[in-house]
Amino acid sequence: MKKTLLSVASILTLGFTSLAFAAGSYNDVPSSDAQYQACLSYANKNWEGGNDPSPIAGQTKMAAFCECMWNETPDDFRGSLAKFSESENGKRINKICEKYSNWGS
């Protein structure tokens, strides 16, 4: 009986852990990161619905989108994340980040 309860508890714990990981699977962006801050500013000025809650606990759609863009672009990318998402080259990443943040067309 104890082994069964332990097994059930272990399975439930793994399930909850994987759900939590899936919900916020990106590296956290340092709040002072200039590229991330510029993405938030651009998104706030140019797109609607960014302050709505995202599927990521405690994040707006705008924050989740910019976090995704920050994580999905190469480390040496130095341009505007938001403008890149609107470009021909950024379409693939934009689609990923719209899905991640539940924000898009």
N, C-alpha and C. Protein backbone atom coordinates (compact mmCIF):
# COMPACT_ATOMS: atom_id res chain seq x y z
N MET A 1 0.82 -1.19 0.00
CA MET A 1 0.00 0.00 0.00
C MET A 1 0.87 1.27 0.00
N LYS A 2 1.91 1.27 0.87
CA LYS A 2 2.79 2.44 0.93
C LYS A 2 3.53 2.63 -0.40
N LYS A 3 3.95 1.51 -1.02
CA LYS A 3 4.66 1.62 -2.29
C LYS A 3 3.74 2.17 -3.38
N THR A 4 2.48 1.77 -3.34
CA THR A 4 1.52 2.26 -4.32
C THR A 4 1.30 3.76 -4.15
N LEU A 5 1.12 4.20 -2.92
CA LEU A 5 0.93 5.63 -2.66
C LEU A 5 2.16 6.44 -3.07
N LEU A 6 3.32 5.88 -2.78
CA LEU A 6 4.56 6.55 -3.15
C LEU A 6 4.68 6.66 -4.67
N SER A 7 4.32 5.60 -5.36
CA SER A 7 4.37 5.62 -6.82
C SER A 7 3.40 6.64 -7.40
N VAL A 8 2.19 6.68 -6.88
CA VAL A 8 1.19 7.65 -7.34
C VAL A 8 1.67 9.07 -7.07
N ALA A 9 2.20 9.29 -5.88
CA ALA A 9 2.70 10.63 -5.52
C ALA A 9 3.86 11.04 -6.45
N SER A 10 4.73 10.09 -6.76
CA SER A 10 5.86 10.39 -7.65
C SER A 10 5.38 10.76 -9.04
N ILE A 11 4.41 10.01 -9.55
CA ILE A 11 3.88 10.28 -10.89
C ILE A 11 3.21 11.65 -10.92
N LEU A 12 2.43 11.96 -9.90
CA LEU A 12 1.76 13.26 -9.85
C LEU A 12 2.77 14.40 -9.77
N THR A 13 3.80 14.22 -8.97
CA THR A 13 4.83 15.25 -8.84
C THR A 13 5.53 15.48 -10.18
N LEU A 14 5.87 14.41 -10.88
CA LEU A 14 6.51 14.55 -12.19
C LEU A 14 5.58 15.25 -13.17
N GLY A 15 4.30 14.92 -13.11
CA GLY A 15 3.33 15.55 -14.00
C GLY A 15 3.22 17.04 -13.75
N PHE A 16 3.12 17.44 -12.49
CA PHE A 16 3.02 18.86 -12.16
C PHE A 16 4.30 19.59 -12.51
N THR A 17 5.43 18.95 -12.28
CA THR A 17 6.72 19.57 -12.59
C THR A 17 6.85 19.81 -14.09
N SER A 18 6.45 18.82 -14.91
CA SER A 18 6.58 19.00 -16.35
C SER A 18 5.61 20.06 -16.85
N LEU A 19 4.43 20.19 -16.25
CA LEU A 19 3.50 21.24 -16.64
C LEU A 19 4.06 22.61 -16.31
N ALA A 20 4.65 22.75 -15.15
CA ALA A 20 5.24 24.03 -14.75
C ALA A 20 6.39 24.39 -15.67
N PHE A 21 7.19 23.39 -16.04
CA PHE A 21 8.31 23.65 -16.93
C PHE A 21 7.82 24.07 -18.31
N ALA A 22 6.78 23.39 -18.80
CA ALA A 22 6.25 23.71 -20.12
C ALA A 22 5.65 25.11 -20.16
N ALA A 23 5.08 25.56 -19.06
CA ALA A 23 4.43 26.86 -19.03
C ALA A 23 5.43 28.00 -19.15
N GLY A 24 6.60 27.87 -18.60
CA GLY A 24 7.60 28.92 -18.65
C GLY A 24 8.95 28.34 -18.97
N SER A 25 9.10 27.80 -20.16
CA SER A 25 10.27 27.00 -20.48
C SER A 25 11.49 27.80 -20.93
N TYR A 26 11.39 29.10 -20.99
CA TYR A 26 12.51 29.91 -21.44
C TYR A 26 13.35 30.42 -20.27
N ASN A 27 14.59 30.78 -20.59
CA ASN A 27 15.44 31.44 -19.60
C ASN A 27 14.83 32.80 -19.29
N ASP A 28 14.86 33.16 -18.03
CA ASP A 28 14.36 34.48 -17.65
C ASP A 28 15.29 35.56 -18.21
N VAL A 29 14.68 36.61 -18.71
CA VAL A 29 15.45 37.72 -19.25
C VAL A 29 15.78 38.68 -18.11
N PRO A 30 17.01 39.12 -17.99
CA PRO A 30 17.32 40.13 -16.97
C PRO A 30 16.45 41.36 -17.21
N SER A 31 15.78 41.84 -16.20
CA SER A 31 14.84 42.95 -16.36
C SER A 31 15.50 44.21 -16.92
N SER A 32 16.80 44.33 -16.74
CA SER A 32 17.51 45.52 -17.23
C SER A 32 18.02 45.36 -18.66
N ASP A 33 17.76 44.23 -19.30
CA ASP A 33 18.26 43.99 -20.66
C ASP A 33 17.64 45.01 -21.63
N ALA A 34 18.48 45.77 -22.28
CA ALA A 34 18.02 46.86 -23.16
C ALA A 34 17.21 46.33 -24.35
N GLN A 35 17.61 45.21 -24.90
CA GLN A 35 16.91 44.64 -26.05
C GLN A 35 15.48 44.22 -25.65
N TYR A 36 15.36 43.60 -24.50
CA TYR A 36 14.05 43.17 -23.98
C TYR A 36 13.18 44.39 -23.67
N GLN A 37 13.74 45.40 -23.03
CA GLN A 37 13.00 46.61 -22.70
C GLN A 37 12.51 47.32 -23.97
N ALA A 38 13.35 47.35 -25.00
CA ALA A 38 12.97 47.97 -26.27
C ALA A 38 11.83 47.18 -26.93
N CYS A 39 11.87 45.87 -26.81
CA CYS A 39 10.80 45.02 -27.36
C CYS A 39 9.48 45.34 -26.66
N LEU A 40 9.52 45.43 -25.34
CA LEU A 40 8.30 45.76 -24.57
C LEU A 40 7.75 47.12 -24.98
N SER A 41 8.63 48.10 -25.12
CA SER A 41 8.22 49.46 -25.48
C SER A 41 7.59 49.48 -26.87
N TYR A 42 8.26 48.84 -27.83
CA TYR A 42 7.75 48.80 -29.21
C TYR A 42 6.40 48.09 -29.25
N ALA A 43 6.31 46.96 -28.58
CA ALA A 43 5.07 46.18 -28.57
C ALA A 43 3.93 46.98 -27.94
N ASN A 44 4.23 47.69 -26.88
CA ASN A 44 3.21 48.48 -26.19
C ASN A 44 2.69 49.62 -27.07
N LYS A 45 3.57 50.22 -27.85
CA LYS A 45 3.18 51.34 -28.71
C LYS A 45 2.46 50.90 -29.99
N ASN A 46 2.83 49.73 -30.52
CA ASN A 46 2.40 49.36 -31.86
C ASN A 46 1.41 48.20 -31.96
N TRP A 47 1.24 47.44 -30.91
CA TRP A 47 0.37 46.27 -30.99
C TRP A 47 -0.68 46.33 -29.88
N GLU A 48 -1.83 45.75 -30.11
CA GLU A 48 -2.92 45.75 -29.13
C GLU A 48 -2.99 44.42 -28.38
N GLY A 49 -3.46 44.48 -27.15
CA GLY A 49 -3.69 43.27 -26.36
C GLY A 49 -2.50 42.76 -25.60
N GLY A 50 -1.41 43.48 -25.63
CA GLY A 50 -0.19 43.02 -24.97
C GLY A 50 -0.23 42.98 -23.47
N ASN A 51 -1.13 43.75 -22.87
CA ASN A 51 -1.22 43.74 -21.41
C ASN A 51 -2.19 42.69 -20.87
N ASP A 52 -2.80 41.92 -21.78
CA ASP A 52 -3.66 40.82 -21.35
C ASP A 52 -2.79 39.71 -20.77
N PRO A 53 -3.33 38.91 -19.86
CA PRO A 53 -2.53 37.81 -19.29
C PRO A 53 -2.18 36.76 -20.34
N SER A 54 -0.98 36.25 -20.24
CA SER A 54 -0.53 35.17 -21.12
C SER A 54 -0.73 33.83 -20.39
N PRO A 55 -0.49 32.72 -21.06
CA PRO A 55 -0.56 31.43 -20.38
C PRO A 55 0.54 31.24 -19.33
N ILE A 56 1.53 32.10 -19.34
CA ILE A 56 2.64 32.01 -18.39
C ILE A 56 2.25 32.80 -17.14
N ALA A 57 2.21 32.11 -16.03
CA ALA A 57 1.77 32.74 -14.77
C ALA A 57 2.58 33.99 -14.48
N GLY A 58 1.87 35.09 -14.23
CA GLY A 58 2.51 36.34 -13.85
C GLY A 58 3.06 37.16 -15.01
N GLN A 59 2.82 36.74 -16.25
CA GLN A 59 3.33 37.49 -17.39
C GLN A 59 2.19 37.95 -18.28
N THR A 60 2.37 39.13 -18.83
CA THR A 60 1.44 39.60 -19.85
C THR A 60 1.83 38.93 -21.18
N LYS A 61 0.95 39.04 -22.16
CA LYS A 61 1.26 38.49 -23.47
C LYS A 61 2.50 39.17 -24.05
N MET A 62 2.59 40.47 -23.83
CA MET A 62 3.73 41.24 -24.33
C MET A 62 5.04 40.76 -23.71
N ALA A 63 5.04 40.54 -22.41
CA ALA A 63 6.25 40.09 -21.72
C ALA A 63 6.64 38.68 -22.17
N ALA A 64 5.64 37.80 -22.30
CA ALA A 64 5.92 36.43 -22.74
C ALA A 64 6.45 36.43 -24.17
N PHE A 65 5.86 37.25 -25.03
CA PHE A 65 6.30 37.34 -26.42
C PHE A 65 7.75 37.83 -26.49
N CYS A 66 8.05 38.90 -25.80
CA CYS A 66 9.41 39.46 -25.84
C CYS A 66 10.42 38.51 -25.21
N GLU A 67 10.03 37.81 -24.15
CA GLU A 67 10.91 36.82 -23.55
C GLU A 67 11.21 35.71 -24.55
N CYS A 68 10.19 35.27 -25.26
CA CYS A 68 10.37 34.24 -26.28
C CYS A 68 11.30 34.73 -27.39
N MET A 69 11.05 35.94 -27.88
CA MET A 69 11.89 36.50 -28.93
C MET A 69 13.35 36.59 -28.46
N TRP A 70 13.54 37.04 -27.24
CA TRP A 70 14.89 37.18 -26.67
C TRP A 70 15.59 35.82 -26.63
N ASN A 71 14.84 34.78 -26.28
CA ASN A 71 15.42 33.45 -26.18
C ASN A 71 15.59 32.76 -27.53
N GLU A 72 14.74 33.05 -28.48
CA GLU A 72 14.77 32.35 -29.77
C GLU A 72 15.75 32.95 -30.78
N THR A 73 16.10 34.21 -30.62
CA THR A 73 17.08 34.80 -31.53
C THR A 73 18.48 34.38 -31.10
N PRO A 74 19.42 34.34 -32.04
CA PRO A 74 20.79 33.95 -31.68
C PRO A 74 21.39 34.91 -30.65
N ASP A 75 22.32 34.40 -29.86
CA ASP A 75 22.95 35.21 -28.81
C ASP A 75 23.62 36.47 -29.36
N ASP A 76 24.10 36.41 -30.58
CA ASP A 76 24.80 37.58 -31.14
C ASP A 76 23.86 38.53 -31.87
N PHE A 77 22.54 38.29 -31.82
CA PHE A 77 21.58 39.20 -32.45
C PHE A 77 21.54 40.50 -31.66
N ARG A 78 21.71 41.63 -32.33
CA ARG A 78 21.77 42.92 -31.65
C ARG A 78 20.68 43.89 -32.11
N GLY A 79 19.80 43.46 -33.01
CA GLY A 79 18.78 44.36 -33.53
C GLY A 79 17.54 44.42 -32.66
N SER A 80 16.50 45.01 -33.20
CA SER A 80 15.22 45.12 -32.51
C SER A 80 14.47 43.79 -32.60
N LEU A 81 14.16 43.22 -31.46
CA LEU A 81 13.45 41.94 -31.43
C LEU A 81 12.06 42.06 -32.05
N ALA A 82 11.35 43.13 -31.71
CA ALA A 82 9.98 43.31 -32.20
C ALA A 82 9.98 43.56 -33.71
N LYS A 83 10.88 44.40 -34.17
CA LYS A 83 10.94 44.67 -35.61
C LYS A 83 11.37 43.42 -36.38
N PHE A 84 12.28 42.65 -35.78
CA PHE A 84 12.71 41.40 -36.40
C PHE A 84 11.52 40.44 -36.55
N SER A 85 10.64 40.43 -35.55
CA SER A 85 9.49 39.53 -35.61
C SER A 85 8.56 39.87 -36.77
N GLU A 86 8.60 41.11 -37.23
CA GLU A 86 7.76 41.56 -38.34
C GLU A 86 8.43 41.35 -39.70
N SER A 87 9.70 40.97 -39.71
CA SER A 87 10.45 40.83 -40.95
C SER A 87 10.22 39.46 -41.59
N GLU A 88 10.63 39.36 -42.82
CA GLU A 88 10.54 38.09 -43.54
C GLU A 88 11.37 37.02 -42.84
N ASN A 89 12.57 37.38 -42.38
CA ASN A 89 13.44 36.42 -41.70
C ASN A 89 12.91 36.04 -40.32
N GLY A 90 12.11 36.89 -39.71
CA GLY A 90 11.62 36.62 -38.36
C GLY A 90 10.29 35.92 -38.30
N LYS A 91 9.68 35.61 -39.44
CA LYS A 91 8.34 35.01 -39.46
C LYS A 91 8.26 33.71 -38.65
N ARG A 92 9.25 32.85 -38.79
CA ARG A 92 9.23 31.56 -38.10
C ARG A 92 9.27 31.75 -36.58
N ILE A 93 10.15 32.61 -36.13
CA ILE A 93 10.26 32.86 -34.69
C ILE A 93 9.02 33.59 -34.19
N ASN A 94 8.48 34.51 -34.98
CA ASN A 94 7.27 35.22 -34.61
C ASN A 94 6.13 34.24 -34.35
N LYS A 95 6.01 33.26 -35.22
CA LYS A 95 4.94 32.26 -35.07
C LYS A 95 5.11 31.47 -33.77
N ILE A 96 6.33 31.10 -33.47
CA ILE A 96 6.62 30.37 -32.23
C ILE A 96 6.24 31.23 -31.02
N CYS A 97 6.63 32.50 -31.06
CA CYS A 97 6.41 33.38 -29.91
C CYS A 97 4.96 33.80 -29.76
N GLU A 98 4.24 33.92 -30.87
CA GLU A 98 2.80 34.20 -30.78
C GLU A 98 2.08 33.03 -30.12
N LYS A 99 2.49 31.83 -30.47
CA LYS A 99 1.87 30.64 -29.85
C LYS A 99 2.23 30.58 -28.37
N TYR A 100 3.49 30.80 -28.05
CA TYR A 100 3.96 30.74 -26.66
C TYR A 100 3.22 31.73 -25.77
N SER A 101 2.99 32.94 -26.28
CA SER A 101 2.36 34.00 -25.50
C SER A 101 0.84 34.02 -25.64
N ASN A 102 0.33 33.20 -26.57
CA ASN A 102 -1.10 33.19 -26.90
C ASN A 102 -1.53 34.58 -27.37
N TRP A 103 -0.68 35.17 -28.20
CA TRP A 103 -0.92 36.53 -28.68
C TRP A 103 -0.61 36.58 -30.17
N GLY A 104 -1.57 36.73 -30.97
CA GLY A 104 -1.31 36.82 -32.39
C GLY A 104 -2.57 36.70 -33.21
N SER A 105 -2.34 36.62 -34.47
CA SER A 105 -3.46 36.59 -35.41
C SER A 105 -4.05 35.21 -35.58
